Every structure is written in structure tokens, then in C-alpha cells.
Amino acid sequence: MIKGVMKNFIYKYVLFVWLCCSTMSIAQEIAISGLIIDSTISRQGHDFANQISRFWQEIPNTFGKNVVVKEIILPQAGTQVDVIFDNKIVYRTYFGRRLLPLDEKVNQAVVRLVDAVAQQNIGEEHPDLADDEW
């Protein structure tokens, strides 16, 4: 009985080690870009976040960088949507109750995101420069 339990334990241990080693080699080959966290509540907010996420996949150097699209209800006015990158509000817009085309607002948000990514990359490449340049 003990031999069977020990054999089963060794088999499971070897299988576990093999799975860990194989997933480590796979994880090194796959590069996952940053995430877009959709914290919107309306249909228009979800559409806005989805369109931004399509552009976000095409932006270079976004590995490990995350964006939050957050929507807040404004009573009797509609909603406020913030695009947050690196814990800073990069873009803010307002949606009324009517569904309007989002193309212009999405383009503005993407331009601001690209600029924020570029500014962060410059800061990482040149850490000796302070924000006030002194």
C-alpha cells in the first residue's frame, strides 16, 4: 500500500515539475502587451473602451503598461469618462444621454495615450533629467 502511495506521489511530483518547466519556456516566448481595464457602465462607454483597446494593441512599447477607462455617472447630465495611464488622467470626455459617433473622441484619446507612452519612455531612457529639468 505504501509503495503505491509513494509511486503515485513521485508520479505527480514529476508531472508538476515538468509542467512548471514547460510553462516557463512558453511564458518566455509570449510577450503580453499592457491591459485595458474597462470600468465603464454604459453602452457608449463600453464602445469607447473597445475602440481604444483596438488602437492600444497597435501602439508599440506598451509591454507591462496598463490603461483604465473609468466612467462616472453625472446626475441629469450623462456620464464622465476618464482614460487613466500611469495613475494620471490622460483624457477626459463627457457623454450625454444620446448615442453620438465616438470616432473623434476615440482619436483624441489615442493621441493623448500615445503621447503619454512616449513621455514615459523618454523618462525611463533618461532618468537623470528631473521633471523641472534642474
Protein backbone atom coordinates (compact mmCIF):
# COMPACT_ATOMS: atom_id res chain seq x y z
CA MET A 1 0.00 0.00 0.00
CA ILE A 2 2.79 2.43 0.91
CA LYS A 3 4.67 1.65 -2.31
CA GLY A 4 1.58 2.55 -4.37
CA VAL A 5 1.11 5.86 -2.50
CA MET A 6 4.80 6.73 -2.86
CA LYS A 7 4.77 5.82 -6.56
CA ASN A 8 1.66 7.98 -7.07
CA PHE A 9 3.32 10.89 -5.21
CA ILE A 10 6.50 10.64 -7.28
CA TYR A 11 4.47 10.48 -10.50
CA LYS A 12 2.52 13.62 -9.55
CA TYR A 13 5.70 15.43 -8.47
CA VAL A 14 7.48 14.66 -11.75
CA LEU A 15 4.40 15.76 -13.70
CA PHE A 16 4.24 19.01 -11.68
CA VAL A 17 7.93 19.79 -12.28
CA TRP A 18 7.59 19.04 -15.98
CA LEU A 19 4.52 21.31 -16.29
CA CYS A 20 6.31 24.13 -14.44
CA CYS A 21 9.35 23.90 -16.68
CA SER A 22 7.30 23.74 -19.86
CA THR A 23 5.14 26.74 -18.90
CA MET A 24 8.25 28.77 -18.04
CA SER A 25 9.65 28.25 -21.51
CA ILE A 26 6.30 29.14 -23.08
CA ALA A 27 5.96 32.28 -20.93
CA GLN A 28 9.36 33.50 -22.09
CA GLU A 29 8.29 33.25 -25.73
CA ILE A 30 4.94 35.04 -25.39
CA ALA A 31 5.03 38.78 -24.81
CA ILE A 32 1.79 40.23 -23.50
CA SER A 33 1.24 43.91 -24.03
CA GLY A 34 -0.42 46.13 -21.46
CA LEU A 35 -4.00 45.76 -20.41
CA ILE A 36 -7.00 47.99 -20.81
CA ILE A 37 -9.25 47.80 -17.78
CA ASP A 38 -12.81 48.64 -18.78
CA SER A 39 -14.57 50.21 -15.82
CA THR A 40 -17.41 51.70 -17.83
CA ILE A 41 -21.10 51.19 -17.20
CA SER A 42 -22.98 52.48 -20.24
CA ARG A 43 -23.22 51.12 -23.76
CA GLN A 44 -21.46 54.16 -25.15
CA GLY A 45 -18.71 53.80 -22.53
CA HIS A 46 -18.16 50.15 -23.45
CA ASP A 47 -17.98 51.05 -27.15
CA PHE A 48 -15.46 53.79 -26.34
CA ALA A 49 -13.28 51.39 -24.33
CA ASN A 50 -13.47 48.71 -27.04
CA GLN A 51 -12.36 51.13 -29.75
CA ILE A 52 -9.47 52.36 -27.61
CA SER A 53 -8.40 48.77 -26.95
CA ARG A 54 -8.17 48.11 -30.70
CA PHE A 55 -5.76 51.01 -31.09
CA TRP A 56 -3.87 50.10 -27.89
CA GLN A 57 -2.84 46.77 -29.38
CA GLU A 58 -1.12 48.59 -32.25
CA ILE A 59 0.83 51.07 -30.11
CA PRO A 60 4.48 49.98 -29.71
CA ASN A 61 6.27 49.73 -26.34
CA THR A 62 3.16 49.04 -24.28
CA PHE A 63 4.51 45.91 -22.60
CA GLY A 64 3.50 45.97 -18.95
CA LYS A 65 1.71 49.32 -19.22
CA ASN A 66 -1.95 49.46 -18.31
CA VAL A 67 -4.79 51.82 -19.12
CA VAL A 68 -8.00 52.26 -17.16
CA VAL A 69 -11.14 53.57 -18.84
CA LYS A 70 -13.38 54.71 -15.99
CA GLU A 71 -16.91 56.04 -16.27
CA ILE A 72 -18.75 58.05 -13.62
CA ILE A 73 -22.44 58.94 -13.71
CA LEU A 74 -23.24 62.65 -13.57
CA PRO A 75 -26.85 63.11 -12.45
CA GLN A 76 -29.10 64.69 -15.08
CA ALA A 77 -26.16 65.27 -17.42
CA GLY A 78 -24.87 61.89 -18.61
CA THR A 79 -21.50 60.35 -17.80
CA GLN A 80 -17.89 61.39 -17.45
CA VAL A 81 -15.28 59.06 -18.96
CA ASP A 82 -11.63 59.23 -17.89
CA VAL A 83 -8.73 57.48 -19.60
CA ILE A 84 -6.08 56.86 -16.93
CA PHE A 85 -2.49 55.91 -17.72
CA ASP A 86 0.27 55.64 -15.14
CA ASN A 87 -2.17 56.81 -12.42
CA LYS A 88 -2.76 60.08 -14.28
CA ILE A 89 -5.84 61.20 -16.15
CA VAL A 90 -4.68 61.46 -19.74
CA TYR A 91 -8.05 62.19 -21.34
CA ARG A 92 -11.47 63.18 -20.04
CA THR A 93 -14.69 63.42 -22.00
CA TYR A 94 -18.40 63.57 -21.34
CA PHE A 95 -21.20 61.55 -22.88
CA GLY A 96 -24.76 62.74 -22.91
CA ARG A 97 -27.79 60.52 -22.91
CA ARG A 98 -27.93 60.31 -26.69
CA LEU A 99 -25.70 57.97 -28.63
CA LEU A 100 -23.29 60.00 -30.75
CA PRO A 101 -20.42 58.94 -33.03
CA LEU A 102 -17.31 58.20 -30.99
CA ASP A 103 -14.63 58.38 -33.69
CA GLU A 104 -13.39 61.89 -32.90
CA LYS A 105 -13.26 61.30 -29.14
CA VAL A 106 -11.51 57.95 -29.57
CA ASN A 107 -8.91 59.52 -31.87
CA GLN A 108 -8.24 62.29 -29.35
CA ALA A 109 -7.88 59.77 -26.53
CA VAL A 110 -5.50 57.58 -28.55
CA VAL A 111 -3.33 60.58 -29.47
CA ARG A 112 -3.10 61.52 -25.79
CA LEU A 113 -2.26 57.89 -24.87
CA VAL A 114 0.50 57.71 -27.47
CA ASP A 115 1.90 60.97 -26.13
CA ALA A 116 1.76 59.66 -22.53
CA VAL A 117 3.54 56.42 -23.53
CA ALA A 118 6.21 58.40 -25.36
CA GLN A 119 6.72 60.72 -22.38
CA GLN A 120 7.05 57.75 -20.04
CA ASN A 121 9.54 56.05 -22.37
CA ILE A 122 11.62 59.23 -22.51
CA GLY A 123 11.59 59.36 -18.71
CA GLU A 124 12.74 55.74 -18.50
CA GLU A 125 15.51 56.24 -21.06
CA HIS A 126 16.82 59.43 -19.41
CA PRO A 127 16.29 59.06 -15.66
CA ASP A 128 18.83 61.77 -14.84
CA LEU A 129 16.51 64.51 -16.07
CA ALA A 130 14.07 65.72 -13.44
CA ASP A 131 10.60 66.99 -14.24
CA ASP A 132 11.74 70.58 -13.66
CA GLU A 133 14.91 69.96 -15.73
CA TRP A 134 17.24 71.16 -12.96
